[in-house]
Amino acid sequence: MKKLISWSVLVLFFLTSFVVQFPPKPVRLFDGKTFSGWEGDTLNMWRIENGALIGGMLDKKVPHNDFLCTTRSYANFILKLKVKLTGNVGFINSGIQFRSQRLKDPAHEMTGYQADYGEKYWGTLYDESRRNKTIAGNDPNETQKIIKLNDWNNYELRAENRRIRIFINGKQTTDYTEADLTIPQSGLIGLQIHGDGAAQVAFKDIFIQELP
């Protein structure tokens, strides 16, 4: 009888361990209709049209960088979405902040990693308001060859512990491992529209799968 109980406990232990380690399924980060779970300048800079989050404007200059942010933080995850960027050549730029925080001055800026998306930066990893430089990524001129300009493109961001990978339309553009142990590895996710030009960015079908 004691041996039977021991085997039962052992089997239960392995089954429980397996369930705990199984990652959760992807969930929608944007419901397609409301700003639930997001915060930012939803009066002047960000709006919802046809199931997409849209930032910026095509008929006048975007005055400064602006971000629509999640209301909670994320650490390890797989983020998948579709993005479309349009505007004046030379001024179109966007990106996805992650493991980031809002600044107090200026309040419209963020600091942290940015998975970049725009001319001269396609698919690279930028460090916004911190190291202020591109820290990893393939040649954006080569990546541009797989970009469907002024159209929807599939974007995937994988943040797994200190390893960060970016994929556009199924092609890996960045594979980076953070060596600086002082850099935070959790924070907000933010959608960016870059300032200084007439440009508009749209994001839709946003799914996130949190990882252990």
N, C-alpha and C. Protein backbone atom coordinates (compact mmCIF):
# COMPACT_ATOMS: atom_id res chain seq x y z
N MET A 1 0.83 -1.21 0.00
CA MET A 1 0.00 0.00 0.00
C MET A 1 0.87 1.26 0.00
N LYS A 2 1.94 1.26 0.83
CA LYS A 2 2.83 2.41 0.88
C LYS A 2 3.52 2.62 -0.45
N LYS A 3 3.90 1.50 -1.12
CA LYS A 3 4.57 1.61 -2.41
C LYS A 3 3.64 2.19 -3.45
N LEU A 4 2.35 1.84 -3.42
CA LEU A 4 1.37 2.36 -4.36
C LEU A 4 1.18 3.86 -4.17
N ILE A 5 1.14 4.30 -2.92
CA ILE A 5 1.00 5.72 -2.62
C ILE A 5 2.22 6.50 -3.12
N SER A 6 3.40 5.94 -2.94
CA SER A 6 4.63 6.59 -3.36
C SER A 6 4.65 6.80 -4.87
N TRP A 7 4.26 5.74 -5.60
CA TRP A 7 4.22 5.86 -7.06
C TRP A 7 3.18 6.91 -7.49
N SER A 8 2.06 6.96 -6.81
CA SER A 8 1.01 7.93 -7.15
C SER A 8 1.50 9.36 -6.94
N VAL A 9 2.21 9.57 -5.84
CA VAL A 9 2.76 10.89 -5.55
C VAL A 9 3.79 11.28 -6.60
N LEU A 10 4.62 10.33 -7.01
CA LEU A 10 5.65 10.60 -8.01
C LEU A 10 5.03 10.97 -9.35
N VAL A 11 4.01 10.23 -9.78
CA VAL A 11 3.33 10.51 -11.04
C VAL A 11 2.67 11.88 -10.99
N LEU A 12 2.02 12.20 -9.85
CA LEU A 12 1.36 13.49 -9.69
C LEU A 12 2.37 14.62 -9.77
N PHE A 13 3.56 14.40 -9.20
CA PHE A 13 4.62 15.42 -9.22
C PHE A 13 5.03 15.73 -10.65
N PHE A 14 5.27 14.70 -11.46
CA PHE A 14 5.70 14.91 -12.84
C PHE A 14 4.60 15.57 -13.67
N LEU A 15 3.35 15.17 -13.45
CA LEU A 15 2.25 15.77 -14.20
C LEU A 15 2.10 17.25 -13.84
N THR A 16 2.22 17.57 -12.55
CA THR A 16 2.12 18.95 -12.10
C THR A 16 3.25 19.79 -12.67
N SER A 17 4.45 19.25 -12.68
CA SER A 17 5.60 19.97 -13.22
C SER A 17 5.41 20.28 -14.69
N PHE A 18 4.84 19.33 -15.43
CA PHE A 18 4.62 19.52 -16.87
C PHE A 18 3.62 20.64 -17.11
N VAL A 19 2.54 20.67 -16.34
CA VAL A 19 1.50 21.67 -16.51
C VAL A 19 2.04 23.06 -16.19
N VAL A 20 2.84 23.19 -15.13
CA VAL A 20 3.38 24.48 -14.73
C VAL A 20 4.30 25.05 -15.80
N GLN A 21 5.06 24.19 -16.47
CA GLN A 21 6.03 24.64 -17.45
C GLN A 21 5.41 24.94 -18.81
N PHE A 22 4.17 24.52 -19.03
CA PHE A 22 3.53 24.74 -20.32
C PHE A 22 3.16 26.21 -20.47
N PRO A 23 3.66 26.90 -21.51
CA PRO A 23 3.42 28.35 -21.63
C PRO A 23 1.95 28.65 -21.95
N PRO A 24 1.46 29.80 -21.49
CA PRO A 24 0.08 30.18 -21.79
C PRO A 24 -0.09 30.46 -23.28
N LYS A 25 -1.34 30.39 -23.73
CA LYS A 25 -1.64 30.63 -25.13
C LYS A 25 -1.57 32.13 -25.44
N PRO A 26 -1.36 32.47 -26.73
CA PRO A 26 -1.39 33.90 -27.11
C PRO A 26 -2.76 34.50 -26.85
N VAL A 27 -2.78 35.76 -26.44
CA VAL A 27 -4.03 36.49 -26.21
C VAL A 27 -3.97 37.81 -26.95
N ARG A 28 -5.14 38.36 -27.23
CA ARG A 28 -5.20 39.66 -27.91
C ARG A 28 -4.75 40.76 -26.96
N LEU A 29 -3.85 41.60 -27.43
CA LEU A 29 -3.41 42.74 -26.64
C LEU A 29 -4.25 43.98 -26.97
N PHE A 30 -4.96 43.92 -28.08
CA PHE A 30 -5.85 45.00 -28.52
C PHE A 30 -7.13 44.35 -29.03
N ASP A 31 -8.28 44.78 -28.48
CA ASP A 31 -9.55 44.14 -28.82
C ASP A 31 -10.14 44.59 -30.15
N GLY A 32 -9.49 45.55 -30.82
CA GLY A 32 -9.96 45.99 -32.12
C GLY A 32 -11.02 47.07 -32.08
N LYS A 33 -11.48 47.41 -30.85
CA LYS A 33 -12.58 48.37 -30.74
C LYS A 33 -12.35 49.50 -29.74
N THR A 34 -11.61 49.20 -28.67
CA THR A 34 -11.43 50.18 -27.60
C THR A 34 -9.96 50.30 -27.21
N PHE A 35 -9.67 51.29 -26.38
CA PHE A 35 -8.31 51.48 -25.86
C PHE A 35 -8.11 50.73 -24.54
N SER A 36 -8.96 49.77 -24.26
CA SER A 36 -8.85 49.00 -23.02
C SER A 36 -7.47 48.35 -22.93
N GLY A 37 -6.76 48.61 -21.84
CA GLY A 37 -5.42 48.07 -21.65
C GLY A 37 -4.32 48.94 -22.20
N TRP A 38 -4.70 50.11 -22.75
CA TRP A 38 -3.74 51.04 -23.35
C TRP A 38 -3.95 52.44 -22.80
N GLU A 39 -2.89 53.27 -22.83
CA GLU A 39 -3.03 54.66 -22.41
C GLU A 39 -2.10 55.52 -23.27
N GLY A 40 -2.54 56.78 -23.47
CA GLY A 40 -1.76 57.72 -24.28
C GLY A 40 -2.64 58.86 -24.74
N ASP A 41 -2.14 59.62 -25.70
CA ASP A 41 -2.88 60.78 -26.22
C ASP A 41 -3.93 60.30 -27.23
N THR A 42 -5.05 59.84 -26.70
CA THR A 42 -6.12 59.30 -27.56
C THR A 42 -7.07 60.39 -28.04
N LEU A 43 -6.79 61.62 -27.68
CA LEU A 43 -7.61 62.74 -28.16
C LEU A 43 -7.02 63.37 -29.42
N ASN A 44 -5.68 63.45 -29.49
CA ASN A 44 -5.05 64.16 -30.60
C ASN A 44 -4.17 63.29 -31.49
N MET A 45 -3.53 62.25 -30.91
CA MET A 45 -2.52 61.54 -31.67
C MET A 45 -2.93 60.12 -32.07
N TRP A 46 -3.71 59.44 -31.25
CA TRP A 46 -4.06 58.04 -31.50
C TRP A 46 -5.57 57.86 -31.63
N ARG A 47 -5.95 56.99 -32.55
CA ARG A 47 -7.37 56.72 -32.78
C ARG A 47 -7.54 55.26 -33.22
N ILE A 48 -8.77 54.83 -33.31
CA ILE A 48 -9.08 53.46 -33.74
C ILE A 48 -9.94 53.54 -34.99
N GLU A 49 -9.51 52.88 -36.06
CA GLU A 49 -10.27 52.84 -37.31
C GLU A 49 -10.16 51.45 -37.92
N ASN A 50 -11.29 50.88 -38.27
CA ASN A 50 -11.34 49.58 -38.96
C ASN A 50 -10.51 48.51 -38.25
N GLY A 51 -10.64 48.47 -36.93
CA GLY A 51 -9.97 47.44 -36.15
C GLY A 51 -8.48 47.64 -35.98
N ALA A 52 -7.98 48.86 -36.21
CA ALA A 52 -6.54 49.13 -36.10
C ALA A 52 -6.29 50.35 -35.21
N LEU A 53 -5.18 50.32 -34.50
CA LEU A 53 -4.71 51.48 -33.75
C LEU A 53 -3.89 52.34 -34.71
N ILE A 54 -4.24 53.61 -34.81
CA ILE A 54 -3.58 54.49 -35.77
C ILE A 54 -3.01 55.71 -35.06
N GLY A 55 -1.74 55.99 -35.35
CA GLY A 55 -1.08 57.15 -34.77
C GLY A 55 -0.53 58.06 -35.85
N GLY A 56 -0.50 59.37 -35.55
CA GLY A 56 0.06 60.33 -36.49
C GLY A 56 -0.96 60.89 -37.46
N MET A 57 -0.43 61.61 -38.48
CA MET A 57 -1.31 62.26 -39.45
C MET A 57 -0.56 62.49 -40.75
N LEU A 58 -1.29 62.47 -41.84
CA LEU A 58 -0.68 62.63 -43.15
C LEU A 58 -0.80 64.05 -43.70
N ASP A 59 -1.70 64.84 -43.12
CA ASP A 59 -1.94 66.17 -43.65
C ASP A 59 -1.15 67.27 -42.95
N LYS A 60 -0.42 66.90 -41.88
CA LYS A 60 0.42 67.89 -41.21
C LYS A 60 1.53 67.19 -40.42
N LYS A 61 2.52 67.94 -40.06
CA LYS A 61 3.70 67.39 -39.39
C LYS A 61 3.37 66.88 -37.99
N VAL A 62 3.85 65.69 -37.68
CA VAL A 62 3.73 65.16 -36.32
C VAL A 62 4.72 65.92 -35.45
N PRO A 63 4.26 66.61 -34.42
CA PRO A 63 5.14 67.54 -33.68
C PRO A 63 6.29 66.89 -32.91
N HIS A 64 6.07 65.66 -32.45
CA HIS A 64 7.10 65.00 -31.65
C HIS A 64 6.82 63.50 -31.60
N ASN A 65 7.81 62.72 -31.16
CA ASN A 65 7.58 61.30 -30.95
C ASN A 65 6.40 61.12 -29.99
N ASP A 66 5.59 60.11 -30.25
CA ASP A 66 4.48 59.86 -29.35
C ASP A 66 4.24 58.35 -29.25
N PHE A 67 3.79 57.91 -28.07
CA PHE A 67 3.65 56.49 -27.80
C PHE A 67 2.29 56.17 -27.18
N LEU A 68 1.71 55.09 -27.66
CA LEU A 68 0.53 54.51 -27.03
C LEU A 68 1.02 53.29 -26.27
N CYS A 69 0.81 53.25 -24.95
CA CYS A 69 1.44 52.24 -24.10
C CYS A 69 0.44 51.29 -23.45
N THR A 70 0.92 50.10 -23.16
CA THR A 70 0.13 49.18 -22.35
C THR A 70 0.07 49.71 -20.92
N THR A 71 -0.96 49.32 -20.22
CA THR A 71 -1.11 49.77 -18.83
C THR A 71 -0.42 48.84 -17.85
N ARG A 72 0.16 47.75 -18.33
CA ARG A 72 0.90 46.84 -17.46
C ARG A 72 2.22 46.46 -18.12
N SER A 73 3.11 45.91 -17.31
CA SER A 73 4.44 45.55 -17.78
C SER A 73 4.52 44.10 -18.23
N TYR A 74 5.50 43.83 -19.08
CA TYR A 74 5.77 42.48 -19.57
C TYR A 74 7.27 42.24 -19.55
N ALA A 75 7.66 40.99 -19.33
CA ALA A 75 9.07 40.63 -19.27
C ALA A 75 9.45 39.74 -20.45
N ASN A 76 9.09 38.46 -20.37
CA ASN A 76 9.39 37.50 -21.44
C ASN A 76 8.12 37.23 -22.24
N PHE A 77 8.21 37.31 -23.57
CA PHE A 77 7.00 37.17 -24.38
C PHE A 77 7.34 37.00 -25.85
N ILE A 78 6.33 36.58 -26.59
CA ILE A 78 6.35 36.62 -28.06
C ILE A 78 5.21 37.54 -28.48
N LEU A 79 5.54 38.61 -29.18
CA LEU A 79 4.55 39.58 -29.63
C LEU A 79 4.44 39.50 -31.14
N LYS A 80 3.21 39.33 -31.64
CA LYS A 80 2.98 39.28 -33.08
C LYS A 80 1.93 40.32 -33.44
N LEU A 81 2.17 41.06 -34.52
CA LEU A 81 1.21 42.05 -34.97
C LEU A 81 1.44 42.37 -36.44
N LYS A 82 0.54 43.17 -36.99
CA LYS A 82 0.69 43.67 -38.34
C LYS A 82 0.83 45.18 -38.26
N VAL A 83 1.72 45.73 -39.11
CA VAL A 83 1.97 47.16 -39.06
C VAL A 83 2.01 47.73 -40.48
N LYS A 84 1.48 48.93 -40.63
CA LYS A 84 1.52 49.63 -41.92
C LYS A 84 1.95 51.07 -41.66
N LEU A 85 2.98 51.50 -42.37
CA LEU A 85 3.55 52.83 -42.19
C LEU A 85 3.50 53.60 -43.51
N THR A 86 2.93 54.78 -43.47
CA THR A 86 2.82 55.61 -44.68
C THR A 86 3.21 57.04 -44.35
N GLY A 87 3.64 57.80 -45.37
CA GLY A 87 3.97 59.19 -45.15
C GLY A 87 5.04 59.69 -46.10
N ASN A 88 5.58 60.85 -45.79
CA ASN A 88 6.60 61.49 -46.62
C ASN A 88 7.90 60.69 -46.61
N VAL A 89 8.45 60.45 -47.77
CA VAL A 89 9.71 59.73 -47.87
C VAL A 89 10.79 60.48 -47.09
N GLY A 90 11.56 59.72 -46.30
CA GLY A 90 12.61 60.33 -45.50
C GLY A 90 12.18 60.67 -44.09
N PHE A 91 10.88 60.63 -43.83
CA PHE A 91 10.40 61.00 -42.51
C PHE A 91 9.53 59.91 -41.87
N ILE A 92 9.37 58.78 -42.54
CA ILE A 92 8.50 57.77 -41.97
C ILE A 92 9.29 56.84 -41.07
N ASN A 93 8.87 56.76 -39.83
CA ASN A 93 9.55 55.92 -38.86
C ASN A 93 8.60 55.58 -37.73
N SER A 94 8.71 54.36 -37.27
CA SER A 94 7.89 53.91 -36.15
C SER A 94 8.68 52.84 -35.42
N GLY A 95 8.06 52.23 -34.44
CA GLY A 95 8.73 51.17 -33.71
C GLY A 95 7.87 50.68 -32.56
N ILE A 96 8.35 49.65 -31.89
CA ILE A 96 7.64 49.06 -30.77
C ILE A 96 8.56 49.09 -29.56
N GLN A 97 8.21 49.91 -28.60
CA GLN A 97 8.96 49.93 -27.35
C GLN A 97 8.61 48.69 -26.54
N PHE A 98 9.57 48.17 -25.80
CA PHE A 98 9.29 47.06 -24.88
C PHE A 98 10.32 47.09 -23.76
N ARG A 99 9.94 46.47 -22.65
CA ARG A 99 10.78 46.56 -21.45
C ARG A 99 11.16 48.02 -21.21
N SER A 100 10.17 48.89 -21.33
CA SER A 100 10.39 50.34 -21.32
C SER A 100 9.55 51.03 -20.26
N GLN A 101 9.86 52.31 -20.05
CA GLN A 101 9.10 53.14 -19.12
C GLN A 101 8.87 54.50 -19.75
N ARG A 102 7.80 55.18 -19.34
CA ARG A 102 7.59 56.55 -19.78
C ARG A 102 8.52 57.48 -19.01
N LEU A 103 8.97 58.53 -19.68
CA LEU A 103 9.75 59.56 -19.02
C LEU A 103 8.81 60.62 -18.43
N LYS A 104 9.30 61.30 -17.42
CA LYS A 104 8.52 62.40 -16.85
C LYS A 104 8.79 63.70 -17.58
N ASP A 105 9.99 63.82 -18.14
CA ASP A 105 10.35 65.04 -18.86
C ASP A 105 11.26 64.69 -20.04
N PRO A 106 10.79 64.78 -21.30
CA PRO A 106 9.40 65.14 -21.66
C PRO A 106 8.45 63.96 -21.48
N ALA A 107 7.22 64.25 -21.11
CA ALA A 107 6.26 63.20 -20.76
C ALA A 107 5.82 62.36 -21.95
N HIS A 108 6.03 62.86 -23.17
CA HIS A 108 5.59 62.10 -24.34
C HIS A 108 6.65 61.08 -24.78
N GLU A 109 7.82 61.07 -24.15
CA GLU A 109 8.90 60.16 -24.54
C GLU A 109 8.93 58.91 -23.67
N MET A 110 9.65 57.88 -24.18
CA MET A 110 9.87 56.65 -23.43
C MET A 110 11.35 56.32 -23.44
N THR A 111 11.75 55.47 -22.50
CA THR A 111 13.11 54.98 -22.47
C THR A 111 13.10 53.46 -22.40
N GLY A 112 13.96 52.84 -23.20
CA GLY A 112 14.03 51.38 -23.23
C GLY A 112 14.30 50.87 -24.63
N TYR A 113 14.15 49.58 -24.79
CA TYR A 113 14.38 48.96 -26.10
C TYR A 113 13.30 49.38 -27.08
N GLN A 114 13.70 49.53 -28.35
CA GLN A 114 12.73 49.76 -29.41
C GLN A 114 13.02 48.83 -30.59
N ALA A 115 12.05 48.01 -30.93
CA ALA A 115 12.11 47.21 -32.16
C ALA A 115 11.70 48.15 -33.28
N ASP A 116 12.66 48.54 -34.10
CA ASP A 116 12.45 49.66 -35.03
C ASP A 116 11.73 49.24 -36.31
N TYR A 117 11.10 50.23 -36.91
CA TYR A 117 10.36 49.99 -38.16
C TYR A 117 10.28 51.30 -38.92
N GLY A 118 11.11 51.45 -39.95
CA GLY A 118 11.09 52.67 -40.73
C GLY A 118 12.35 52.80 -41.56
N GLU A 119 12.36 53.78 -42.44
CA GLU A 119 13.49 53.98 -43.35
C GLU A 119 14.81 54.09 -42.59
N LYS A 120 15.82 53.36 -43.07
CA LYS A 120 17.17 53.31 -42.50
C LYS A 120 17.23 52.54 -41.18
N TYR A 121 16.08 52.02 -40.71
CA TYR A 121 16.07 51.31 -39.43
C TYR A 121 15.28 50.00 -39.46
N TRP A 122 14.81 49.59 -40.64
CA TRP A 122 13.92 48.43 -40.71
C TRP A 122 14.44 47.24 -39.90
N GLY A 123 13.66 46.81 -38.92
CA GLY A 123 13.94 45.57 -38.20
C GLY A 123 15.14 45.58 -37.29
N THR A 124 15.68 46.76 -36.99
CA THR A 124 16.83 46.83 -36.10
C THR A 124 16.37 47.05 -34.65
N LEU A 125 17.31 46.96 -33.72
CA LEU A 125 17.02 47.18 -32.31
C LEU A 125 17.69 48.47 -31.86
N TYR A 126 16.89 49.42 -31.42
CA TYR A 126 17.37 50.73 -31.00
C TYR A 126 17.18 50.87 -29.48
N ASP A 127 18.06 51.63 -28.83
CA ASP A 127 17.92 51.88 -27.40
C ASP A 127 17.49 53.32 -27.21
N GLU A 128 16.19 53.50 -27.00
CA GLU A 128 15.55 54.82 -26.97
C GLU A 128 15.81 55.56 -25.65
N SER A 129 16.29 56.80 -25.77
CA SER A 129 16.47 57.68 -24.61
C SER A 129 17.31 57.04 -23.50
N ARG A 130 18.24 56.17 -23.91
CA ARG A 130 19.14 55.54 -22.94
C ARG A 130 20.55 55.50 -23.53
N ARG A 131 20.85 54.53 -24.36
CA ARG A 131 22.12 54.55 -25.09
C ARG A 131 22.01 55.36 -26.38
N ASN A 132 20.76 55.59 -26.80
CA ASN A 132 20.47 56.45 -27.96
C ASN A 132 21.22 56.03 -29.22
N LYS A 133 21.16 54.75 -29.53
CA LYS A 133 21.80 54.25 -30.73
C LYS A 133 21.22 52.89 -31.10
N THR A 134 21.42 52.50 -32.37
CA THR A 134 21.06 51.16 -32.80
C THR A 134 22.08 50.20 -32.22
N ILE A 135 21.61 49.18 -31.52
CA ILE A 135 22.53 48.27 -30.85
C ILE A 135 22.62 46.91 -31.52
N ALA A 136 21.74 46.62 -32.48
CA ALA A 136 21.81 45.33 -33.18
C ALA A 136 20.89 45.35 -34.39
N GLY A 137 21.16 44.42 -35.32
CA GLY A 137 20.27 44.27 -36.47
C GLY A 137 21.00 44.11 -37.78
N ASN A 138 20.32 43.46 -38.72
CA ASN A 138 20.85 43.33 -40.08
C ASN A 138 20.86 44.68 -40.79
N ASP A 139 21.51 44.73 -41.94
CA ASP A 139 21.53 45.94 -42.75
C ASP A 139 20.10 46.30 -43.15
N PRO A 140 19.58 47.45 -42.69
CA PRO A 140 18.19 47.82 -43.01
C PRO A 140 17.93 48.00 -44.50
N ASN A 141 18.97 48.30 -45.27
CA ASN A 141 18.80 48.41 -46.72
C ASN A 141 18.48 47.06 -47.35
N GLU A 142 19.05 46.00 -46.76
CA GLU A 142 18.74 44.65 -47.22
C GLU A 142 17.35 44.23 -46.74
N THR A 143 17.05 44.57 -45.50
CA THR A 143 15.73 44.23 -44.95
C THR A 143 14.61 44.91 -45.73
N GLN A 144 14.87 46.12 -46.24
CA GLN A 144 13.84 46.85 -46.98
C GLN A 144 13.34 46.06 -48.19
N LYS A 145 14.16 45.16 -48.69
CA LYS A 145 13.77 44.37 -49.87
C LYS A 145 12.60 43.44 -49.58
N ILE A 146 12.38 43.12 -48.30
CA ILE A 146 11.26 42.23 -47.95
C ILE A 146 10.06 43.02 -47.41
N ILE A 147 10.22 44.36 -47.33
CA ILE A 147 9.14 45.21 -46.82
C ILE A 147 8.15 45.53 -47.94
N LYS A 148 6.87 45.40 -47.63
CA LYS A 148 5.83 45.85 -48.55
C LYS A 148 5.50 47.30 -48.16
N LEU A 149 6.10 48.23 -48.89
CA LEU A 149 5.96 49.64 -48.55
C LEU A 149 4.50 50.10 -48.66
N ASN A 150 4.09 50.94 -47.70
CA ASN A 150 2.72 51.47 -47.66
C ASN A 150 1.67 50.38 -47.59
N ASP A 151 2.04 49.24 -47.00
CA ASP A 151 1.12 48.11 -46.90
C ASP A 151 1.38 47.40 -45.57
N TRP A 152 0.54 46.41 -45.29
CA TRP A 152 0.66 45.67 -44.04
C TRP A 152 1.84 44.70 -44.11
N ASN A 153 2.61 44.65 -43.01
CA ASN A 153 3.71 43.71 -42.88
C ASN A 153 3.59 42.99 -41.53
N ASN A 154 3.98 41.73 -41.51
CA ASN A 154 3.95 40.95 -40.28
C ASN A 154 5.21 41.22 -39.47
N TYR A 155 5.02 41.54 -38.20
CA TYR A 155 6.13 41.85 -37.31
C TYR A 155 6.06 40.92 -36.11
N GLU A 156 7.20 40.34 -35.75
CA GLU A 156 7.26 39.44 -34.60
C GLU A 156 8.45 39.82 -33.74
N LEU A 157 8.20 39.93 -32.45
CA LEU A 157 9.23 40.29 -31.48
C LEU A 157 9.28 39.21 -30.40
N ARG A 158 10.47 38.64 -30.19
CA ARG A 158 10.67 37.63 -29.16
C ARG A 158 11.64 38.16 -28.11
N ALA A 159 11.15 38.30 -26.89
CA ALA A 159 11.99 38.72 -25.76
C ALA A 159 12.03 37.56 -24.77
N GLU A 160 13.16 36.86 -24.76
CA GLU A 160 13.30 35.66 -23.95
C GLU A 160 14.53 35.80 -23.07
N ASN A 161 14.29 36.16 -21.80
CA ASN A 161 15.37 36.49 -20.87
C ASN A 161 16.20 37.61 -21.50
N ARG A 162 17.50 37.43 -21.70
CA ARG A 162 18.32 38.52 -22.25
C ARG A 162 18.49 38.43 -23.76
N ARG A 163 17.84 37.45 -24.38
CA ARG A 163 17.92 37.32 -25.83
C ARG A 163 16.71 37.99 -26.48
N ILE A 164 16.97 38.82 -27.51
CA ILE A 164 15.92 39.54 -28.22
C ILE A 164 16.04 39.24 -29.70
N ARG A 165 14.93 38.81 -30.31
CA ARG A 165 14.92 38.54 -31.74
C ARG A 165 13.76 39.27 -32.40
N ILE A 166 13.99 39.75 -33.61
CA ILE A 166 12.97 40.45 -34.39
C ILE A 166 12.83 39.76 -35.75
N PHE A 167 11.59 39.59 -36.18
CA PHE A 167 11.30 39.00 -37.49
C PHE A 167 10.31 39.90 -38.22
N ILE A 168 10.54 40.11 -39.52
CA ILE A 168 9.59 40.83 -40.36
C ILE A 168 9.25 39.93 -41.55
N ASN A 169 7.95 39.70 -41.74
CA ASN A 169 7.46 38.81 -42.81
C ASN A 169 8.20 37.47 -42.80
N GLY A 170 8.44 36.96 -41.59
CA GLY A 170 9.04 35.65 -41.43
C GLY A 170 10.55 35.61 -41.49
N LYS A 171 11.19 36.74 -41.79
CA LYS A 171 12.65 36.76 -41.90
C LYS A 171 13.25 37.40 -40.64
N GLN A 172 14.22 36.72 -40.03
CA GLN A 172 14.87 37.26 -38.85
C GLN A 172 15.78 38.43 -39.23
N THR A 173 15.60 39.55 -38.53
CA THR A 173 16.39 40.75 -38.81
C THR A 173 17.32 41.12 -37.66
N THR A 174 17.04 40.61 -36.47
CA THR A 174 17.87 40.91 -35.30
C THR A 174 17.93 39.71 -34.38
N ASP A 175 19.13 39.44 -33.86
CA ASP A 175 19.33 38.43 -32.82
C ASP A 175 20.37 39.00 -31.87
N TYR A 176 19.92 39.42 -30.70
CA TYR A 176 20.78 40.18 -29.78
C TYR A 176 20.64 39.63 -28.37
N THR A 177 21.76 39.51 -27.68
CA THR A 177 21.76 39.12 -26.28
C THR A 177 22.36 40.25 -25.45
N GLU A 178 21.59 40.74 -24.49
CA GLU A 178 22.02 41.87 -23.67
C GLU A 178 23.12 41.45 -22.69
N ALA A 179 24.27 42.11 -22.78
CA ALA A 179 25.40 41.80 -21.90
C ALA A 179 25.43 42.68 -20.65
N ASP A 180 24.75 43.83 -20.71
CA ASP A 180 24.75 44.76 -19.59
C ASP A 180 23.72 44.31 -18.56
N LEU A 181 24.16 43.84 -17.43
CA LEU A 181 23.26 43.29 -16.41
C LEU A 181 22.47 44.37 -15.68
N THR A 182 22.76 45.64 -15.93
CA THR A 182 22.02 46.72 -15.28
C THR A 182 20.78 47.14 -16.07
N ILE A 183 20.65 46.65 -17.30
CA ILE A 183 19.52 47.03 -18.15
C ILE A 183 18.27 46.28 -17.70
N PRO A 184 17.16 46.97 -17.39
CA PRO A 184 15.92 46.31 -16.96
C PRO A 184 15.39 45.35 -18.03
N GLN A 185 14.88 44.22 -17.58
CA GLN A 185 14.38 43.21 -18.50
C GLN A 185 12.87 43.03 -18.40
N SER A 186 12.18 44.04 -17.93
CA SER A 186 10.72 44.05 -17.94
C SER A 186 10.27 45.50 -18.03
N GLY A 187 9.05 45.70 -18.49
CA GLY A 187 8.53 47.06 -18.61
C GLY A 187 7.34 47.13 -19.56
N LEU A 188 6.97 48.33 -19.91
CA LEU A 188 5.80 48.57 -20.76
C LEU A 188 6.10 48.27 -22.22
N ILE A 189 5.04 47.99 -22.97
CA ILE A 189 5.09 47.90 -24.42
C ILE A 189 4.45 49.17 -24.96
N GLY A 190 5.11 49.83 -25.93
CA GLY A 190 4.59 51.07 -26.48
C GLY A 190 4.67 51.10 -27.99
N LEU A 191 3.63 51.58 -28.63
CA LEU A 191 3.60 51.74 -30.08
C LEU A 191 3.98 53.18 -30.41
N GLN A 192 4.93 53.35 -31.33
CA GLN A 192 5.46 54.69 -31.60
C GLN A 192 5.05 55.25 -32.96
N ILE A 193 4.79 56.56 -32.97
CA ILE A 193 4.79 57.31 -34.21
C ILE A 193 5.90 58.36 -34.04
N HIS A 194 6.82 58.40 -34.99
CA HIS A 194 7.97 59.30 -34.88
C HIS A 194 7.58 60.71 -35.30
N GLY A 195 8.19 61.70 -34.63
CA GLY A 195 7.90 63.09 -34.94
C GLY A 195 8.73 63.61 -36.11
N ASP A 196 8.53 64.88 -36.43
CA ASP A 196 9.30 65.63 -37.43
C ASP A 196 8.89 65.38 -38.87
N GLY A 197 7.80 64.69 -39.11
CA GLY A 197 7.36 64.49 -40.48
C GLY A 197 5.87 64.21 -40.53
N ALA A 198 5.29 64.28 -41.72
CA ALA A 198 3.89 63.91 -41.91
C ALA A 198 3.85 62.41 -42.15
N ALA A 199 3.41 61.67 -41.16
CA ALA A 199 3.43 60.21 -41.24
C ALA A 199 2.30 59.62 -40.42
N GLN A 200 1.94 58.40 -40.78
CA GLN A 200 0.87 57.70 -40.09
C GLN A 200 1.24 56.23 -39.98
N VAL A 201 1.03 55.64 -38.80
CA VAL A 201 1.30 54.23 -38.60
C VAL A 201 0.04 53.56 -38.07
N ALA A 202 -0.18 52.32 -38.50
CA ALA A 202 -1.34 51.55 -38.07
C ALA A 202 -0.87 50.18 -37.58
N PHE A 203 -1.48 49.72 -36.49
CA PHE A 203 -1.17 48.41 -35.93
C PHE A 203 -2.48 47.63 -35.75
N LYS A 204 -2.46 46.36 -36.09
CA LYS A 204 -3.65 45.54 -35.88
C LYS A 204 -3.24 44.08 -35.63
N ASP A 205 -4.23 43.26 -35.28
CA ASP A 205 -4.02 41.83 -35.01
C ASP A 205 -2.85 41.65 -34.05
N ILE A 206 -2.93 42.32 -32.89
CA ILE A 206 -1.84 42.32 -31.91
C ILE A 206 -2.07 41.19 -30.91
N PHE A 207 -1.18 40.23 -30.90
CA PHE A 207 -1.26 39.09 -29.98
C PHE A 207 0.03 38.98 -29.17
N ILE A 208 -0.11 38.62 -27.89
CA ILE A 208 1.06 38.40 -27.06
C ILE A 208 0.95 37.06 -26.34
N GLN A 209 2.06 36.37 -26.30
CA GLN A 209 2.17 35.11 -25.57
C GLN A 209 3.25 35.29 -24.52
N GLU A 210 2.85 35.34 -23.27
CA GLU A 210 3.81 35.50 -22.20
C GLU A 210 4.56 34.19 -21.96
N LEU A 211 5.84 34.31 -21.68
CA LEU A 211 6.71 33.15 -21.48
C LEU A 211 7.21 33.13 -20.04
N PRO A 212 7.59 31.96 -19.54
CA PRO A 212 8.11 31.86 -18.17
C PRO A 212 9.36 32.73 -17.97
